[in-house]
Amino acid sequence: MKVDLSVNLGTLKLKNPVLLASGTVGYGNEIAQFTDLSKLGGIVTKSLSLKPRRGNPPQRIVETASGMLNAIGLANVGVEEFIKEKIPFLKNLNTTIICNIAASSIEEYVECVKLIDPEETISAFEINVSCPNVKEGGLEFGNDINAVGKITAQVRAVTSKPIIIKLSPNVSRIHPFAKAAKDEGADAVSAINTLVGTSFDIWTRKPKIKNITGGLSGPAIKPVALAKVLEISRNVDIPIIGIGGIMDWKDAAEFMIAGASAFQIGTVNFINPNAGIEIVEGLQAYAEKMRIDKLSQITATYQI
């Protein structure tokens, strides 16, 4: 049985719904030797800012029960280096490339998108308005509906490529933010970014990461992420990219049933860099067993 795994995110078409999440695979070359990226729906590049960022001082990552805390602080090479050094590698990958943009001001978001927009290798932009680990931008934008709407509108004005707004889970209700993004021209939303967390060493009584707090990811946040995807799906008619603790194809199918059109995997890439392909194969077998000829048919098919 031939299953159609392709999905649409607005005008963006993916060969399958599996995306590698921003910040977990660098700019693609870091993971390319361990897996065949051409078999995936796409990759989302590490967050880019206008100028290079050194990020936060170490220690920046710590393992937790069923998850991981990180406070990288958006360390990246900056737009100029990205175009010069990273695009040549990315353009030879037979998969969709989505560029994640982070910024400290609305003007910086706009300038980054304007500079990268002419690059044909980049098919879409994921706008990160919700990183919890930077002092400027980050949660300041992600917790402000007006700011999310304004960023979306101003980025929309400078590109015709699909725009995906990456939302914060660190709010009581997430769907108003999704609606603000949709109303200002976003093609899709990513849900969720990491949850704010912390961890202490009981012997030194010091935080285990230098930034004190970090973003919690991994299986520990999956139920929260599913609830946020479900909330958006019930209230806003916009494609959703589900993110949060997906470790295998069963988790991925669960996100699609809850309302996601596609999904990103992140923490699992550090454990099993071939997880994306295994999830593609698992979903293929699942669809065959369920006699589903087009995988996108399961999106938002939850039964209450």
C-alpha atoms as a PDB file:
ATOM      1  CA  MET A   1       0.000   0.000   0.000  1.00  0.00           C
ATOM      2  CA  LYS A   2       1.451   3.339  -1.065  1.00  0.00           C
ATOM      3  CA  VAL A   3       0.887   5.955   1.633  1.00  0.00           C
ATOM      4  CA  ASP A   4       1.080   9.675   0.833  1.00  0.00           C
ATOM      5  CA  LEU A   5       3.115  11.141   3.709  1.00  0.00           C
ATOM      6  CA  SER A   6       3.219  14.697   2.364  1.00  0.00           C
ATOM      7  CA  VAL A   7       1.698  17.534   4.367  1.00  0.00           C
ATOM      8  CA  ASN A   8       0.945  21.189   3.709  1.00  0.00           C
ATOM      9  CA  LEU A   9       1.662  24.106   6.028  1.00  0.00           C
ATOM     10  CA  GLY A  10      -0.162  26.860   4.228  1.00  0.00           C
ATOM     11  CA  THR A  11       1.732  27.208   0.948  1.00  0.00           C
ATOM     12  CA  LEU A  12       4.685  25.185   2.225  1.00  0.00           C
ATOM     13  CA  LYS A  13       4.610  21.529   1.178  1.00  0.00           C
ATOM     14  CA  LEU A  14       6.752  18.928   2.986  1.00  0.00           C
ATOM     15  CA  LYS A  15       7.455  15.415   1.671  1.00  0.00           C
ATOM     16  CA  ASN A  16       6.578  14.122   5.137  1.00  0.00           C
ATOM     17  CA  PRO A  17       5.728  15.775   8.499  1.00  0.00           C
ATOM     18  CA  VAL A  18       9.100  15.121  10.191  1.00  0.00           C
ATOM     19  CA  LEU A  19      11.189  18.236  10.874  1.00  0.00           C
ATOM     20  CA  LEU A  20      14.367  18.464  12.934  1.00  0.00           C
ATOM     21  CA  ALA A  21      13.965  21.211  15.511  1.00  0.00           C
ATOM     22  CA  SER A  22      15.988  24.377  15.636  1.00  0.00           C
ATOM     23  CA  GLY A  23      18.989  24.304  17.933  1.00  0.00           C
ATOM     24  CA  THR A  24      19.314  20.535  17.972  1.00  0.00           C
ATOM     25  CA  VAL A  25      21.091  19.910  14.658  1.00  0.00           C
ATOM     26  CA  GLY A  26      23.090  23.104  14.135  1.00  0.00           C
ATOM     27  CA  TYR A  27      23.021  24.078  10.477  1.00  0.00           C
ATOM     28  CA  GLY A  28      22.527  20.523   9.220  1.00  0.00           C
ATOM     29  CA  ASN A  29      26.165  19.595   8.625  1.00  0.00           C
ATOM     30  CA  GLU A  30      26.590  18.572  12.280  1.00  0.00           C
ATOM     31  CA  ILE A  31      24.092  15.703  11.911  1.00  0.00           C
ATOM     32  CA  ALA A  32      24.382  14.905   8.188  1.00  0.00           C
ATOM     33  CA  GLN A  33      27.062  12.251   8.723  1.00  0.00           C
ATOM     34  CA  PHE A  34      24.748  10.277  11.022  1.00  0.00           C
ATOM     35  CA  THR A  35      21.496  10.250   9.048  1.00  0.00           C
ATOM     36  CA  ASP A  36      20.086  10.820   5.559  1.00  0.00           C
ATOM     37  CA  LEU A  37      18.524  14.273   5.738  1.00  0.00           C
ATOM     38  CA  SER A  38      16.974  13.874   2.274  1.00  0.00           C
ATOM     39  CA  LYS A  39      14.456  11.399   3.712  1.00  0.00           C
ATOM     40  CA  LEU A  40      13.063  13.943   6.164  1.00  0.00           C
ATOM     41  CA  GLY A  41      10.376  16.531   5.668  1.00  0.00           C
ATOM     42  CA  GLY A  42      12.894  19.231   6.485  1.00  0.00           C
ATOM     43  CA  ILE A  43      15.239  20.787   8.982  1.00  0.00           C
ATOM     44  CA  VAL A  44      14.930  24.010  10.941  1.00  0.00           C
ATOM     45  CA  THR A  45      18.251  25.789  11.264  1.00  0.00           C
ATOM     46  CA  LYS A  46      19.702  27.010  14.524  1.00  0.00           C
ATOM     47  CA  SER A  47      18.322  30.420  15.501  1.00  0.00           C
ATOM     48  CA  LEU A  48      19.972  33.260  13.643  1.00  0.00           C
ATOM     49  CA  SER A  49      20.390  36.814  14.855  1.00  0.00           C
ATOM     50  CA  LEU A  50      21.630  39.758  12.849  1.00  0.00           C
ATOM     51  CA  LYS A  51      25.082  39.706  14.451  1.00  0.00           C
ATOM     52  CA  PRO A  52      26.935  36.669  15.883  1.00  0.00           C
ATOM     53  CA  ARG A  53      26.073  35.771  19.476  1.00  0.00           C
ATOM     54  CA  ARG A  54      28.394  34.019  21.923  1.00  0.00           C
ATOM     55  CA  GLY A  55      25.454  32.776  23.987  1.00  0.00           C
ATOM     56  CA  ASN A  56      25.426  32.151  27.720  1.00  0.00           C
ATOM     57  CA  PRO A  57      28.488  30.995  29.701  1.00  0.00           C
ATOM     58  CA  PRO A  58      28.742  27.261  30.535  1.00  0.00           C
ATOM     59  CA  GLN A  59      27.404  25.090  32.004  1.00  0.00           C
ATOM     60  CA  ARG A  60      24.554  25.436  29.526  1.00  0.00           C
ATOM     61  CA  ILE A  61      22.959  21.968  29.432  1.00  0.00           C
ATOM     62  CA  VAL A  62      21.968  19.563  32.185  1.00  0.00           C
ATOM     63  CA  GLU A  63      20.027  16.308  32.058  1.00  0.00           C
ATOM     64  CA  THR A  64      16.874  16.026  34.170  1.00  0.00           C
ATOM     65  CA  ALA A  65      14.380  13.274  34.839  1.00  0.00           C
ATOM     66  CA  SER A  66      12.788  12.545  31.441  1.00  0.00           C
ATOM     67  CA  GLY A  67      14.195  15.694  29.928  1.00  0.00           C
ATOM     68  CA  MET A  68      16.917  18.246  29.426  1.00  0.00           C
ATOM     69  CA  LEU A  69      17.468  21.817  30.595  1.00  0.00           C
ATOM     70  CA  ASN A  70      19.346  24.151  28.297  1.00  0.00           C
ATOM     71  CA  ALA A  71      20.307  27.781  28.433  1.00  0.00           C
ATOM     72  CA  ILE A  72      22.400  28.171  25.291  1.00  0.00           C
ATOM     73  CA  GLY A  73      21.385  31.791  24.879  1.00  0.00           C
ATOM     74  CA  LEU A  74      20.952  31.676  21.093  1.00  0.00           C
ATOM     75  CA  ALA A  75      24.658  31.322  20.302  1.00  0.00           C
ATOM     76  CA  ASN A  76      24.940  31.561  16.510  1.00  0.00           C
ATOM     77  CA  VAL A  77      27.136  32.711  13.648  1.00  0.00           C
ATOM     78  CA  GLY A  78      25.024  35.693  12.569  1.00  0.00           C
ATOM     79  CA  VAL A  79      23.366  36.343   9.220  1.00  0.00           C
ATOM     80  CA  GLU A  80      26.466  37.303   7.218  1.00  0.00           C
ATOM     81  CA  GLU A  81      28.395  34.136   8.170  1.00  0.00           C
ATOM     82  CA  PHE A  82      25.266  32.021   7.665  1.00  0.00           C
ATOM     83  CA  ILE A  83      24.851  33.174   4.077  1.00  0.00           C
ATOM     84  CA  LYS A  84      28.555  32.856   3.302  1.00  0.00           C
ATOM     85  CA  GLU A  85      29.448  29.596   5.069  1.00  0.00           C
ATOM     86  CA  LYS A  86      26.258  27.622   5.800  1.00  0.00           C
ATOM     87  CA  ILE A  87      24.023  28.148   2.764  1.00  0.00           C
ATOM     88  CA  PRO A  88      26.430  26.344   0.346  1.00  0.00           C
ATOM     89  CA  PHE A  89      26.047  23.134   2.362  1.00  0.00           C
ATOM     90  CA  LEU A  90      22.312  23.516   2.895  1.00  0.00           C
ATOM     91  CA  LYS A  91      21.543  24.084  -0.779  1.00  0.00           C
ATOM     92  CA  ASN A  92      22.771  20.579  -1.647  1.00  0.00           C
ATOM     93  CA  LEU A  93      20.374  18.878   0.755  1.00  0.00           C
ATOM     94  CA  ASN A  94      17.318  17.406  -0.892  1.00  0.00           C
ATOM     95  CA  THR A  95      14.971  18.526   1.836  1.00  0.00           C
ATOM     96  CA  THR A  96      13.101  21.639   2.908  1.00  0.00           C
ATOM     97  CA  ILE A  97      15.151  24.213   4.808  1.00  0.00           C
ATOM     98  CA  ILE A  98      13.379  26.483   7.273  1.00  0.00           C
ATOM     99  CA  CYS A  99      15.427  29.318   8.746  1.00  0.00           C
ATOM    100  CA  ASN A 100      14.765  30.132  12.407  1.00  0.00           C
ATOM    101  CA  ILE A 101      15.162  33.817  13.277  1.00  0.00           C
ATOM    102  CA  ALA A 102      15.665  35.244  16.778  1.00  0.00           C
ATOM    103  CA  ALA A 103      16.117  38.904  17.665  1.00  0.00           C
ATOM    104  CA  SER A 104      16.249  41.477  20.407  1.00  0.00           C
ATOM    105  CA  SER A 105      13.994  43.961  18.627  1.00  0.00           C
ATOM    106  CA  ILE A 106      11.296  43.971  15.968  1.00  0.00           C
ATOM    107  CA  GLU A 107      13.639  45.859  13.667  1.00  0.00           C
ATOM    108  CA  GLU A 108      16.207  43.080  13.977  1.00  0.00           C
ATOM    109  CA  TYR A 109      13.651  40.404  13.015  1.00  0.00           C
ATOM    110  CA  VAL A 110      12.750  42.416   9.928  1.00  0.00           C
ATOM    111  CA  GLU A 111      16.356  43.059   8.926  1.00  0.00           C
ATOM    112  CA  CYS A 112      17.324  39.384   9.288  1.00  0.00           C
ATOM    113  CA  VAL A 113      14.427  38.244   7.104  1.00  0.00           C
ATOM    114  CA  LYS A 114      15.147  40.900   4.468  1.00  0.00           C
ATOM    115  CA  LEU A 115      18.775  39.800   4.194  1.00  0.00           C
ATOM    116  CA  ILE A 116      18.027  36.071   3.962  1.00  0.00           C
ATOM    117  CA  ASP A 117      14.873  36.281   1.859  1.00  0.00           C
ATOM    118  CA  PRO A 118      16.724  36.304  -1.521  1.00  0.00           C
ATOM    119  CA  GLU A 119      18.351  32.940  -0.711  1.00  0.00           C
ATOM    120  CA  GLU A 120      16.394  30.327  -2.709  1.00  0.00           C
ATOM    121  CA  THR A 121      17.664  27.565  -0.403  1.00  0.00           C
ATOM    122  CA  ILE A 122      15.485  28.913   2.385  1.00  0.00           C
ATOM    123  CA  SER A 123      11.854  27.880   1.838  1.00  0.00           C
ATOM    124  CA  ALA A 124      10.300  29.451   4.935  1.00  0.00           C
ATOM    125  CA  PHE A 125      11.029  31.358   8.135  1.00  0.00           C
ATOM    126  CA  GLU A 126      10.314  30.232  11.669  1.00  0.00           C
ATOM    127  CA  ILE A 127      10.179  33.334  13.851  1.00  0.00           C
ATOM    128  CA  ASN A 128      11.294  32.566  17.398  1.00  0.00           C
ATOM    129  CA  VAL A 129       9.396  34.950  19.659  1.00  0.00           C
ATOM    130  CA  SER A 130       9.637  32.699  22.679  1.00  0.00           C
ATOM    131  CA  CYS A 131      13.165  31.708  23.696  1.00  0.00           C
ATOM    132  CA  PRO A 132      13.268  31.690  27.525  1.00  0.00           C
ATOM    133  CA  ASN A 133      17.050  31.973  27.755  1.00  0.00           C
ATOM    134  CA  VAL A 134      17.885  35.479  26.560  1.00  0.00           C
ATOM    135  CA  LYS A 135      17.603  38.749  28.451  1.00  0.00           C
ATOM    136  CA  GLU A 136      16.297  40.804  25.531  1.00  0.00           C
ATOM    137  CA  GLY A 137      13.464  39.576  23.313  1.00  0.00           C
ATOM    138  CA  GLY A 138      12.570  35.990  24.185  1.00  0.00           C
ATOM    139  CA  LEU A 139       9.783  35.793  26.723  1.00  0.00           C
ATOM    140  CA  GLU A 140       9.309  39.569  26.592  1.00  0.00           C
ATOM    141  CA  PHE A 141       7.897  39.083  23.094  1.00  0.00           C
ATOM    142  CA  GLY A 142       6.422  35.640  23.586  1.00  0.00           C
ATOM    143  CA  ASN A 143       4.233  36.732  26.507  1.00  0.00           C
ATOM    144  CA  ASP A 144       2.937  39.875  24.789  1.00  0.00           C
ATOM    145  CA  ILE A 145       0.129  39.294  22.282  1.00  0.00           C
ATOM    146  CA  ASN A 146       0.541  42.746  20.755  1.00  0.00           C
ATOM    147  CA  ALA A 147       4.256  42.149  20.215  1.00  0.00           C
ATOM    148  CA  VAL A 148       3.625  38.772  18.568  1.00  0.00           C
ATOM    149  CA  GLY A 149       1.109  40.401  16.236  1.00  0.00           C
ATOM    150  CA  LYS A 150       3.407  43.319  15.447  1.00  0.00           C
ATOM    151  CA  ILE A 151       6.414  41.092  14.726  1.00  0.00           C
ATOM    152  CA  THR A 152       4.311  38.881  12.451  1.00  0.00           C
ATOM    153  CA  ALA A 153       2.906  41.834  10.533  1.00  0.00           C
ATOM    154  CA  GLN A 154       6.267  43.526  10.001  1.00  0.00           C
ATOM    155  CA  VAL A 155       8.002  40.311   8.917  1.00  0.00           C
ATOM    156  CA  ARG A 156       5.058  39.500   6.642  1.00  0.00           C
ATOM    157  CA  ALA A 157       5.569  42.839   4.936  1.00  0.00           C
ATOM    158  CA  VAL A 158       9.117  41.993   3.789  1.00  0.00           C
ATOM    159  CA  THR A 159       8.774  38.414   2.524  1.00  0.00           C
ATOM    160  CA  SER A 160       6.364  36.358   0.455  1.00  0.00           C
ATOM    161  CA  LYS A 161       7.767  33.115   1.849  1.00  0.00           C
ATOM    162  CA  PRO A 162       5.789  31.152   4.455  1.00  0.00           C
ATOM    163  CA  ILE A 163       6.107  32.453   8.012  1.00  0.00           C
ATOM    164  CA  ILE A 164       5.853  30.182  11.057  1.00  0.00           C
ATOM    165  CA  ILE A 165       5.604  31.790  14.508  1.00  0.00           C
ATOM    166  CA  LYS A 166       7.160  29.702  17.312  1.00  0.00           C
ATOM    167  CA  LEU A 167       4.994  30.214  20.387  1.00  0.00           C
ATOM    168  CA  SER A 168       5.814  30.122  24.082  1.00  0.00           C
ATOM    169  CA  PRO A 169       4.102  27.608  26.385  1.00  0.00           C
ATOM    170  CA  ASN A 170       4.841  29.860  29.347  1.00  0.00           C
ATOM    171  CA  VAL A 171       1.430  31.533  29.173  1.00  0.00           C
ATOM    172  CA  SER A 172      -1.915  30.538  30.677  1.00  0.00           C
ATOM    173  CA  ARG A 173      -3.718  30.403  27.298  1.00  0.00           C
ATOM    174  CA  ILE A 174      -1.788  29.922  24.073  1.00  0.00           C
ATOM    175  CA  HIS A 175      -4.503  30.151  21.420  1.00  0.00           C
ATOM    176  CA  PRO A 176      -4.863  33.975  21.560  1.00  0.00           C
ATOM    177  CA  PHE A 177      -1.203  34.172  20.507  1.00  0.00           C
ATOM    178  CA  ALA A 178      -1.843  31.776  17.623  1.00  0.00           C
ATOM    179  CA  LYS A 179      -4.819  33.886  16.555  1.00  0.00           C
ATOM    180  CA  ALA A 180      -2.733  37.082  16.677  1.00  0.00           C
ATOM    181  CA  ALA A 181      -0.131  35.423  14.452  1.00  0.00           C
ATOM    182  CA  LYS A 182      -2.766  34.217  12.006  1.00  0.00           C
ATOM    183  CA  ASP A 183      -4.537  37.573  11.868  1.00  0.00           C
ATOM    184  CA  GLU A 184      -1.262  39.299  10.927  1.00  0.00           C
ATOM    185  CA  GLY A 185      -0.357  36.887   8.139  1.00  0.00           C
ATOM    186  CA  ALA A 186       1.413  33.864   9.630  1.00  0.00           C
ATOM    187  CA  ASP A 187       1.055  30.652   7.630  1.00  0.00           C
ATOM    188  CA  ALA A 188       1.525  28.352  10.632  1.00  0.00           C
ATOM    189  CA  VAL A 189       2.563  28.248  14.274  1.00  0.00           C
ATOM    190  CA  SER A 190       5.061  26.039  16.093  1.00  0.00           C
ATOM    191  CA  ALA A 191       3.949  24.848  19.517  1.00  0.00           C
ATOM    192  CA  ILE A 192       5.674  24.638  21.841  1.00  0.00           C
ATOM    193  CA  ASN A 193       9.028  26.133  22.743  1.00  0.00           C
ATOM    194  CA  THR A 194      10.636  24.949  25.974  1.00  0.00           C
ATOM    195  CA  LEU A 195       9.176  25.420  29.451  1.00  0.00           C
ATOM    196  CA  VAL A 196      11.092  27.475  32.005  1.00  0.00           C
ATOM    197  CA  GLY A 197      12.791  25.229  34.553  1.00  0.00           C
ATOM    198  CA  THR A 198      15.760  25.018  36.896  1.00  0.00           C
ATOM    199  CA  SER A 199      17.819  22.476  38.820  1.00  0.00           C
ATOM    200  CA  PHE A 200      20.135  22.695  41.868  1.00  0.00           C
ATOM    201  CA  ASP A 201      23.097  20.709  43.124  1.00  0.00           C
ATOM    202  CA  ILE A 202      22.158  19.767  46.701  1.00  0.00           C
ATOM    203  CA  TRP A 203      25.822  19.647  47.836  1.00  0.00           C
ATOM    204  CA  THR A 204      26.907  23.048  46.602  1.00  0.00           C
ATOM    205  CA  ARG A 205      23.362  24.525  46.645  1.00  0.00           C
ATOM    206  CA  LYS A 206      24.188  26.186  43.366  1.00  0.00           C
ATOM    207  CA  PRO A 207      22.138  25.992  40.161  1.00  0.00           C
ATOM    208  CA  LYS A 208      23.372  23.310  37.781  1.00  0.00           C
ATOM    209  CA  ILE A 209      23.349  25.717  34.836  1.00  0.00           C
ATOM    210  CA  LYS A 210      25.074  29.084  34.924  1.00  0.00           C
ATOM    211  CA  ASN A 211      21.980  30.969  33.724  1.00  0.00           C
ATOM    212  CA  ILE A 212      20.094  29.608  36.801  1.00  0.00           C
ATOM    213  CA  THR A 213      16.969  28.922  34.713  1.00  0.00           C
ATOM    214  CA  GLY A 214      16.757  27.203  31.352  1.00  0.00           C
ATOM    215  CA  GLY A 215      14.357  25.681  28.869  1.00  0.00           C
ATOM    216  CA  LEU A 216      13.013  22.236  29.729  1.00  0.00           C
ATOM    217  CA  SER A 217      12.524  19.848  26.796  1.00  0.00           C
ATOM    218  CA  GLY A 218      12.104  16.116  26.276  1.00  0.00           C
ATOM    219  CA  PRO A 219       9.449  13.567  27.273  1.00  0.00           C
ATOM    220  CA  ALA A 220       8.718  15.436  30.528  1.00  0.00           C
ATOM    221  CA  ILE A 221       6.931  18.207  28.610  1.00  0.00           C
ATOM    222  CA  LYS A 222       4.991  16.068  26.118  1.00  0.00           C
ATOM    223  CA  PRO A 223       1.612  16.181  27.913  1.00  0.00           C
ATOM    224  CA  VAL A 224       1.882  19.972  28.223  1.00  0.00           C
ATOM    225  CA  ALA A 225       2.777  20.323  24.546  1.00  0.00           C
ATOM    226  CA  LEU A 226      -0.088  18.077  23.471  1.00  0.00           C
ATOM    227  CA  ALA A 227      -2.523  20.153  25.523  1.00  0.00           C
ATOM    228  CA  LYS A 228      -1.269  23.373  23.897  1.00  0.00           C
ATOM    229  CA  VAL A 229      -1.574  21.875  20.396  1.00  0.00           C
ATOM    230  CA  LEU A 230      -5.081  20.701  21.216  1.00  0.00           C
ATOM    231  CA  GLU A 231      -6.046  24.141  22.552  1.00  0.00           C
ATOM    232  CA  ILE A 232      -4.881  25.866  19.387  1.00  0.00           C
ATOM    233  CA  SER A 233      -6.522  23.259  17.168  1.00  0.00           C
ATOM    234  CA  ARG A 234      -9.869  23.752  18.882  1.00  0.00           C
ATOM    235  CA  ASN A 235      -9.814  27.536  18.673  1.00  0.00           C
ATOM    236  CA  VAL A 236      -7.762  28.732  15.679  1.00  0.00           C
ATOM    237  CA  ASP A 237      -7.847  27.537  12.074  1.00  0.00           C
ATOM    238  CA  ILE A 238      -4.110  27.567  11.346  1.00  0.00           C
ATOM    239  CA  PRO A 239      -1.620  24.761  10.603  1.00  0.00           C
ATOM    240  CA  ILE A 240       0.268  23.683  13.740  1.00  0.00           C
ATOM    241  CA  ILE A 241       3.758  22.231  13.980  1.00  0.00           C
ATOM    242  CA  GLY A 242       3.770  20.186  17.178  1.00  0.00           C
ATOM    243  CA  ILE A 243       6.932  20.154  19.320  1.00  0.00           C
ATOM    244  CA  GLY A 244       7.641  18.683  22.735  1.00  0.00           C
ATOM    245  CA  GLY A 245       9.086  15.363  23.794  1.00  0.00           C
ATOM    246  CA  ILE A 246       8.513  13.373  20.605  1.00  0.00           C
ATOM    247  CA  MET A 247      10.755  10.313  20.900  1.00  0.00           C
ATOM    248  CA  ASP A 248       9.210   7.862  18.418  1.00  0.00           C
ATOM    249  CA  TRP A 249       6.520   7.471  15.758  1.00  0.00           C
ATOM    250  CA  LYS A 250       3.800   6.819  18.338  1.00  0.00           C
ATOM    251  CA  ASP A 251       4.461  10.212  19.954  1.00  0.00           C
ATOM    252  CA  ALA A 252       4.400  11.779  16.494  1.00  0.00           C
ATOM    253  CA  ALA A 253       1.062  10.189  15.598  1.00  0.00           C
ATOM    254  CA  GLU A 254      -0.339  11.403  18.920  1.00  0.00           C
ATOM    255  CA  PHE A 255       0.619  14.998  18.102  1.00  0.00           C
ATOM    256  CA  MET A 256      -1.035  14.764  14.689  1.00  0.00           C
ATOM    257  CA  ILE A 257      -4.221  13.322  16.152  1.00  0.00           C
ATOM    258  CA  ALA A 258      -4.239  16.190  18.694  1.00  0.00           C
ATOM    259  CA  GLY A 259      -4.134  18.732  15.863  1.00  0.00           C
ATOM    260  CA  ALA A 260      -0.613  19.028  14.439  1.00  0.00           C
ATOM    261  CA  SER A 261      -0.116  19.029  10.669  1.00  0.00           C
ATOM    262  CA  ALA A 262       3.610  18.402  11.104  1.00  0.00           C
ATOM    263  CA  PHE A 263       6.001  18.142  14.037  1.00  0.00           C
ATOM    264  CA  GLN A 264       9.582  18.761  15.089  1.00  0.00           C
ATOM    265  CA  ILE A 265      11.870  16.450  17.021  1.00  0.00           C
ATOM    266  CA  GLY A 266      14.600  17.911  19.214  1.00  0.00           C
ATOM    267  CA  THR A 267      15.932  16.293  22.368  1.00  0.00           C
ATOM    268  CA  VAL A 268      15.821  12.820  20.804  1.00  0.00           C
ATOM    269  CA  ASN A 269      18.365  13.936  18.184  1.00  0.00           C
ATOM    270  CA  PHE A 270      21.012  13.999  20.931  1.00  0.00           C
ATOM    271  CA  ILE A 271      20.223  10.382  21.812  1.00  0.00           C
ATOM    272  CA  ASN A 272      19.505   8.922  18.378  1.00  0.00           C
ATOM    273  CA  PRO A 273      20.415  11.096  15.368  1.00  0.00           C
ATOM    274  CA  ASN A 274      18.582   8.655  13.093  1.00  0.00           C
ATOM    275  CA  ALA A 275      15.304   9.058  14.993  1.00  0.00           C
ATOM    276  CA  GLY A 276      13.745  11.174  12.234  1.00  0.00           C
ATOM    277  CA  ILE A 277      14.015   8.433   9.626  1.00  0.00           C
ATOM    278  CA  GLU A 278      12.789   5.812  12.081  1.00  0.00           C
ATOM    279  CA  ILE A 279       9.730   7.995  12.740  1.00  0.00           C
ATOM    280  CA  VAL A 280       9.059   8.350   8.994  1.00  0.00           C
ATOM    281  CA  GLU A 281       9.216   4.569   8.631  1.00  0.00           C
ATOM    282  CA  GLY A 282       7.055   4.040  11.710  1.00  0.00           C
ATOM    283  CA  LEU A 283       4.364   6.409  10.457  1.00  0.00           C
ATOM    284  CA  GLN A 284       4.416   4.686   7.066  1.00  0.00           C
ATOM    285  CA  ALA A 285       3.779   1.305   8.726  1.00  0.00           C
ATOM    286  CA  TYR A 286       1.146   2.805  11.033  1.00  0.00           C
ATOM    287  CA  ALA A 287      -0.784   4.289   8.111  1.00  0.00           C
ATOM    288  CA  GLU A 288      -0.639   0.976   6.246  1.00  0.00           C
ATOM    289  CA  LYS A 289      -1.928  -0.900   9.286  1.00  0.00           C
ATOM    290  CA  MET A 290      -4.724   1.637   9.782  1.00  0.00           C
ATOM    291  CA  ARG A 291      -5.519   1.602   6.032  1.00  0.00           C
ATOM    292  CA  ILE A 292      -4.903   5.336   5.739  1.00  0.00           C
ATOM    293  CA  ASP A 293      -3.804   6.347   2.248  1.00  0.00           C
ATOM    294  CA  LYS A 294      -2.884   9.943   3.135  1.00  0.00           C
ATOM    295  CA  LEU A 295      -1.234  10.575   6.522  1.00  0.00           C
ATOM    296  CA  SER A 296      -2.494  14.171   6.764  1.00  0.00           C
ATOM    297  CA  GLN A 297      -5.996  12.735   7.175  1.00  0.00           C
ATOM    298  CA  ILE A 298      -5.264  11.943  10.831  1.00  0.00           C
ATOM    299  CA  THR A 299      -4.620  15.585  11.807  1.00  0.00           C
ATOM    300  CA  ALA A 300      -7.089  16.742  14.486  1.00  0.00           C
ATOM    301  CA  THR A 301      -9.052  13.475  14.403  1.00  0.00           C
ATOM    302  CA  TYR A 302      -9.156  13.216  18.192  1.00  0.00           C
ATOM    303  CA  GLN A 303     -12.354  11.758  19.620  1.00  0.00           C
ATOM    304  CA  ILE A 304     -13.852  13.431  22.693  1.00  0.00           C
END
